Protein backbone atom coordinates (compact mmCIF):
# COMPACT_ATOMS: atom_id res chain seq x y z
CA MET A 1 34.40 0.25 -36.11
CA THR A 2 33.68 2.82 -33.29
CA GLU A 3 33.25 6.13 -33.29
CA ALA A 4 36.95 6.73 -31.74
CA GLN A 5 38.45 4.28 -34.25
CA TRP A 6 36.71 5.45 -37.25
CA ASN A 7 38.14 9.47 -35.65
CA VAL A 8 41.36 7.78 -35.39
CA PHE A 9 41.40 6.14 -39.32
CA CYS A 10 40.10 9.07 -41.03
CA THR A 11 42.70 11.84 -39.10
CA PHE A 12 45.52 8.81 -40.67
CA ARG A 13 43.97 8.17 -43.98
CA ASP A 14 43.52 12.48 -44.99
CA ALA A 15 46.86 12.93 -43.33
CA PHE A 16 48.56 10.18 -45.42
CA LYS A 17 47.07 11.40 -49.14
CA LYS A 18 47.62 14.64 -48.33
CA LYS A 19 51.49 14.32 -47.92
CA CYS A 20 51.52 11.85 -51.11
CA GLY A 21 50.82 14.67 -52.44
CA GLU A 22 53.08 16.18 -50.81
CA TRP A 23 56.10 13.67 -51.76
CA SER A 24 54.40 13.52 -55.04
CA LYS A 25 56.50 16.96 -56.71
CA PHE A 26 58.94 14.20 -57.03
CA SER A 27 57.80 12.45 -59.40
CA SER A 28 59.30 13.82 -62.61
CA GLU A 29 62.94 13.20 -60.88
CA LEU A 30 62.02 9.80 -59.32
CA ASP A 31 60.91 8.43 -62.19
CA SER A 32 63.40 8.78 -63.99
CA LEU A 33 65.56 7.41 -60.87
CA GLN A 34 63.25 4.53 -60.97
CA LYS A 35 63.46 3.63 -63.91
CA THR A 36 67.32 3.66 -64.48
CA ALA A 37 67.21 0.99 -61.10
CA ALA A 38 65.50 -0.87 -62.70
CA SER A 39 66.86 -1.63 -66.54
CA SER A 40 69.70 -3.44 -64.63
CA ASP A 41 67.22 -6.66 -63.52
CA THR A 42 64.03 -6.25 -65.19
CA PRO A 43 62.04 -5.73 -68.04
CA PRO A 44 60.60 -2.49 -69.13
CA TYR A 45 57.57 -1.63 -67.81
CA ASN A 46 55.84 2.04 -67.72
CA ILE A 47 56.09 4.26 -64.29
CA GLU A 48 52.56 5.54 -63.82
CA THR A 49 53.00 6.34 -60.31
CA PRO A 50 56.11 6.97 -58.54
CA VAL A 51 54.62 7.71 -54.85
CA VAL A 52 51.56 5.59 -54.27
CA TYR A 53 48.29 6.39 -51.74
CA ASN A 54 46.94 3.49 -51.27
CA THR A 55 43.49 3.91 -52.27
CA ALA A 56 42.21 0.57 -51.57
CA LEU A 57 42.10 3.34 -47.61
CA ASP A 58 39.14 4.99 -49.21
CA ASP A 59 36.62 2.45 -49.42
CA ILE A 60 37.46 1.56 -45.93
CA THR A 61 34.36 2.56 -43.71
CA LYS A 62 32.67 3.02 -40.49
CA ASP A 63 30.82 -0.40 -40.64
CA SER A 64 34.32 -1.84 -41.71
CA VAL A 65 35.35 -3.95 -39.08
CA ILE A 66 39.15 -4.11 -39.17
CA LYS A 67 41.69 -6.37 -37.44
CA LEU A 68 45.25 -6.14 -38.54
CA ILE A 69 47.52 -4.26 -39.84
CA VAL A 70 49.98 -5.38 -42.67
CA ILE A 71 53.01 -3.57 -43.45
CA GLY A 72 55.22 -4.40 -46.92
CA ASP A 73 58.04 -3.21 -47.94
CA ASN A 74 57.14 -0.83 -50.52
CA PRO A 75 55.11 -0.61 -54.18
CA GLY A 76 55.69 -2.66 -56.85
CA LYS A 77 55.13 -2.65 -60.46
CA SER A 78 52.12 -3.66 -60.02
CA GLU A 79 50.49 -1.17 -56.95
CA GLN A 80 51.90 1.61 -58.85
CA LEU A 81 49.41 0.89 -61.64
CA ALA A 82 47.43 4.15 -62.22
CA VAL A 83 44.42 0.92 -61.99
CA ASN A 84 45.46 -0.07 -59.16
CA SER A 85 46.82 2.53 -56.89
CA LYS A 86 46.42 -0.16 -53.92
CA TYR A 87 49.41 -2.25 -52.49
CA LEU A 88 49.70 -5.85 -52.00
CA VAL A 89 47.83 -6.26 -55.27
CA GLY A 90 50.55 -8.43 -57.65
CA GLN A 91 51.33 -11.93 -56.94
CA ALA A 92 51.94 -11.54 -52.76
CA GLY A 93 48.95 -9.99 -51.94
CA LYS A 94 47.37 -12.62 -54.55
CA ILE A 95 49.34 -15.36 -52.11
CA ALA A 96 47.94 -13.63 -49.12
CA GLU A 97 44.46 -13.29 -50.00
CA GLY A 98 44.46 -17.12 -50.60
CA PHE A 99 46.23 -18.02 -46.80
CA PHE A 100 43.71 -15.75 -45.45
CA ARG A 101 40.91 -17.39 -47.32
CA ARG A 102 42.30 -21.23 -46.88
CA ASN A 103 41.97 -20.42 -43.32
CA PRO A 104 38.85 -19.26 -41.85
CA GLU A 105 38.88 -19.87 -38.79
CA LEU A 106 40.88 -16.66 -38.53
CA LYS A 107 38.11 -14.30 -39.26
CA ILE A 108 40.15 -12.19 -41.75
CA ASP A 109 38.58 -11.20 -45.01
CA PHE A 110 42.40 -9.56 -46.29
CA ARG A 111 40.91 -6.94 -48.40
CA LYS A 112 37.52 -5.68 -45.78
CA ASN A 113 39.63 -6.56 -42.45
CA VAL A 114 43.21 -6.03 -43.02
CA ILE A 115 44.59 -1.78 -43.34
CA ILE A 116 47.46 -2.33 -45.97
CA LEU A 117 50.22 0.25 -45.76
CA ASN A 118 54.11 0.99 -46.45
CA LYS A 119 56.97 1.05 -45.73
CA THR A 120 57.72 3.78 -47.55
CA PRO A 121 55.65 4.34 -50.12
CA VAL A 122 58.02 5.23 -52.85
CA HIS A 123 57.82 2.97 -56.07
CA SER A 124 60.82 0.77 -56.84
CA ALA A 125 60.72 -2.61 -59.14
CA LYS A 126 62.59 -4.25 -56.18
CA THR A 127 62.25 -2.58 -53.04
CA LYS A 128 66.67 -3.39 -53.41
CA HIS A 129 66.66 -1.07 -55.49
CA LEU A 130 65.23 2.14 -53.38
CA ASN A 131 69.08 1.67 -52.36
CA PHE A 132 69.77 3.21 -56.25
CA ILE A 133 67.56 5.37 -56.08
CA ASP A 134 68.53 7.35 -52.16
CA HIS A 135 72.21 7.34 -53.71
CA GLU A 136 71.32 9.39 -56.49
CA LEU A 137 68.95 11.74 -55.06
CA LYS A 138 71.92 12.60 -51.67
CA SER A 139 74.88 13.39 -54.52
CA LYS A 140 72.79 15.01 -56.64
CA ASP A 141 71.53 16.76 -54.19
CA SER A 142 68.32 17.30 -55.13
CA LYS A 143 65.31 18.86 -53.16
CA ALA A 144 63.93 15.46 -52.38
CA CYS A 145 67.78 14.04 -51.49
CA ASN A 146 65.46 12.67 -47.71
CA LEU A 147 62.92 10.98 -49.69
CA ILE A 148 63.56 7.85 -48.53
CA LEU A 149 64.49 8.46 -45.17
CA GLU A 150 61.91 11.22 -43.93
CA SER A 151 58.88 8.96 -45.78
CA GLN A 152 60.30 6.10 -43.78
CA ILE A 153 60.09 7.71 -40.94
CA TRP A 154 56.98 9.59 -41.05
CA MET A 155 55.35 5.98 -41.50
CA ALA A 156 56.84 4.70 -39.02
CA GLN A 157 55.26 7.45 -36.03
CA LYS A 158 51.69 7.62 -38.24
CA THR A 159 51.30 4.09 -38.33
CA ALA A 160 51.80 2.94 -34.32
CA GLU A 161 50.06 6.13 -34.08
CA LEU A 162 46.98 4.24 -35.71
CA HIS A 163 47.72 1.11 -34.44
CA LYS A 164 48.38 1.95 -30.82
CA ALA A 165 44.73 4.38 -31.23
CA LEU A 166 42.72 1.07 -32.32
CA TYR A 167 44.53 -1.35 -29.88
CA ASP A 168 43.70 1.03 -27.14
CA ALA A 169 39.86 1.69 -28.42
CA ALA A 170 40.08 -2.23 -28.58
CA VAL A 171 41.03 -2.19 -25.48
CA GLN A 172 38.42 0.16 -23.16
CA GLU A 173 35.60 -2.19 -25.42
CA GLY A 174 36.09 -4.57 -23.52
CA LEU A 175 37.23 -6.84 -26.61
CA SER A 176 39.60 -10.17 -25.32
CA LYS A 177 42.77 -10.19 -25.86
CA SER A 178 43.05 -13.00 -29.02
CA ASP A 179 40.81 -10.47 -30.60
CA LEU A 180 42.45 -7.27 -30.33
CA PRO A 181 43.99 -5.24 -33.57
CA GLU A 182 47.05 -6.68 -34.64
CA LEU A 183 50.24 -5.59 -37.05
CA TRP A 184 52.50 -7.68 -39.07
CA LEU A 185 55.93 -6.87 -40.60
CA VAL A 186 55.65 -8.38 -43.37
CA GLY A 187 59.30 -9.23 -45.06
CA TYR A 188 62.06 -8.14 -42.38
CA THR A 189 65.57 -8.65 -44.90
CA GLU A 190 65.81 -4.83 -45.26
CA LEU A 191 65.23 -4.26 -41.54
CA LYS A 192 68.13 -5.81 -40.79
CA LYS A 193 71.83 -4.37 -40.00
CA GLY A 194 72.70 -2.03 -43.13
CA GLY A 195 69.10 -2.54 -45.10
CA ILE A 196 67.35 0.44 -46.23
CA PHE A 197 64.51 0.57 -44.19
CA ILE A 198 66.67 0.57 -40.63
CA PRO A 199 65.62 3.67 -40.01
CA TYR A 200 61.73 2.63 -39.80
CA LYS A 201 61.99 0.20 -37.68
CA GLU A 202 63.90 2.18 -35.21
CA THR A 203 61.11 4.74 -34.89
CA LEU A 204 58.10 2.20 -34.65
CA MET A 205 60.22 0.90 -31.92
CA LYS A 206 60.62 4.25 -31.00
CA GLU A 207 56.93 4.89 -30.58
CA TYR A 208 55.68 1.65 -29.20
CA GLU A 209 57.87 2.90 -25.91
CA GLY A 210 55.86 1.82 -22.54
CA SER A 211 52.36 0.95 -24.94
CA ASP A 212 51.17 -2.51 -24.36
CA ALA A 213 50.49 -2.48 -28.02
CA TRP A 214 53.63 -3.05 -28.68
CA GLY A 215 52.78 -7.14 -27.77
CA LYS A 216 50.21 -7.52 -31.01
CA VAL A 217 52.79 -5.97 -33.23
CA PHE A 218 55.15 -9.18 -35.70
CA VAL A 219 57.02 -9.75 -37.40
CA PHE A 220 56.86 -12.58 -40.91
CA GLN A 221 58.75 -13.79 -44.34
CA HIS A 222 56.72 -11.33 -47.37
CA PHE A 223 54.37 -13.14 -48.73
CA SER A 224 55.74 -13.05 -52.21
CA MET A 225 57.46 -16.34 -53.18
CA ASN A 226 55.77 -18.10 -50.86
CA ARG A 227 58.03 -17.42 -48.58
CA PHE A 228 54.84 -16.73 -45.42
CA LEU A 229 53.60 -19.85 -46.17
CA VAL A 230 56.98 -21.91 -46.47
CA ASP A 231 57.92 -20.37 -42.83
CA LEU A 232 54.46 -20.67 -41.16
CA LYS A 233 54.79 -24.62 -42.50
CA GLN A 234 57.79 -25.20 -41.33
CA PHE A 235 56.56 -24.72 -38.12
CA CYS A 236 53.75 -25.97 -38.08
CA LYS A 237 55.49 -28.99 -39.10
CA GLU A 238 58.22 -28.97 -35.69
CA ASN A 239 54.94 -28.29 -33.44
CA PRO A 240 51.77 -30.57 -34.51
CA ASP A 241 50.38 -29.63 -31.13
CA LEU A 242 49.39 -25.86 -31.44
CA LYS A 243 46.43 -24.75 -33.37
CA LEU A 244 46.76 -22.18 -36.82
CA THR A 245 46.23 -18.79 -34.40
CA SER A 246 48.99 -19.60 -31.99
CA ALA A 247 51.72 -20.87 -34.54
CA ILE A 248 51.09 -17.20 -35.86
CA SER A 249 51.88 -15.44 -32.95
CA LYS A 250 54.93 -17.72 -32.11
CA THR A 251 56.31 -17.77 -35.71
CA GLY A 252 55.83 -13.65 -35.36
CA THR A 253 57.10 -13.64 -32.09
CA ILE A 254 60.18 -15.32 -33.39
CA HIS A 255 61.15 -12.86 -36.34
CA LYS A 256 60.56 -9.72 -33.93
CA LYS A 257 63.18 -11.27 -31.56
CA GLU A 258 65.28 -11.67 -34.32
CA ILE A 259 64.80 -8.15 -36.10
CA PHE A 260 64.59 -6.14 -32.54
CA GLN A 261 66.89 -6.71 -30.71
């Protein structure tokens, strides 16, 4: 990273770590709701980290080359384990890692060149469980009643700031358009009408107003259950003359238009 990019990243990382610490004050209350939400369709498991900071961010150094920011939904069962406390380390993460490894022309190591974030750091076994957690927090008039909303807005604002700053610094360095850092929103079901992540979507779009970096924001199916791969393979099948990089950007643009209408 350039000096400017490194400073921007460190500012973001420190603020994110501090914010997760603040939100973790509600862990005991979240823990019980997360267990209740999971009980309907998930085998029992130990909840170790109700609010998950991605410790993989601490492994990034000034020498790291960041080419991509990937935004998942929220930390799942594997991510919240104390031994992990990292994002996309479950099956979906392995699929993503494998995709980039099998396509070296993309020149991206998923564990070295990618900043992985979520739309909220609040854990749930399944993303849809956030609706129950959010409803219960509000119905109990808890001090954490706005946590799901607040965390989404904060993450959208700070993530957009991070991407725009990395993008602008890369432009100033004279990088070619194809080498400018991208942001991938991976998983968009809950970004649609009535979804839990509507506040994230609306905030993100507002933060990019007037910024050229918006052109490097793309939307994809989630890596889980191979949805990303199936979707991309189908597009490549229908457009056999396209190179993989073009197929990825066009697929991501199609879904972006669907979500950000």
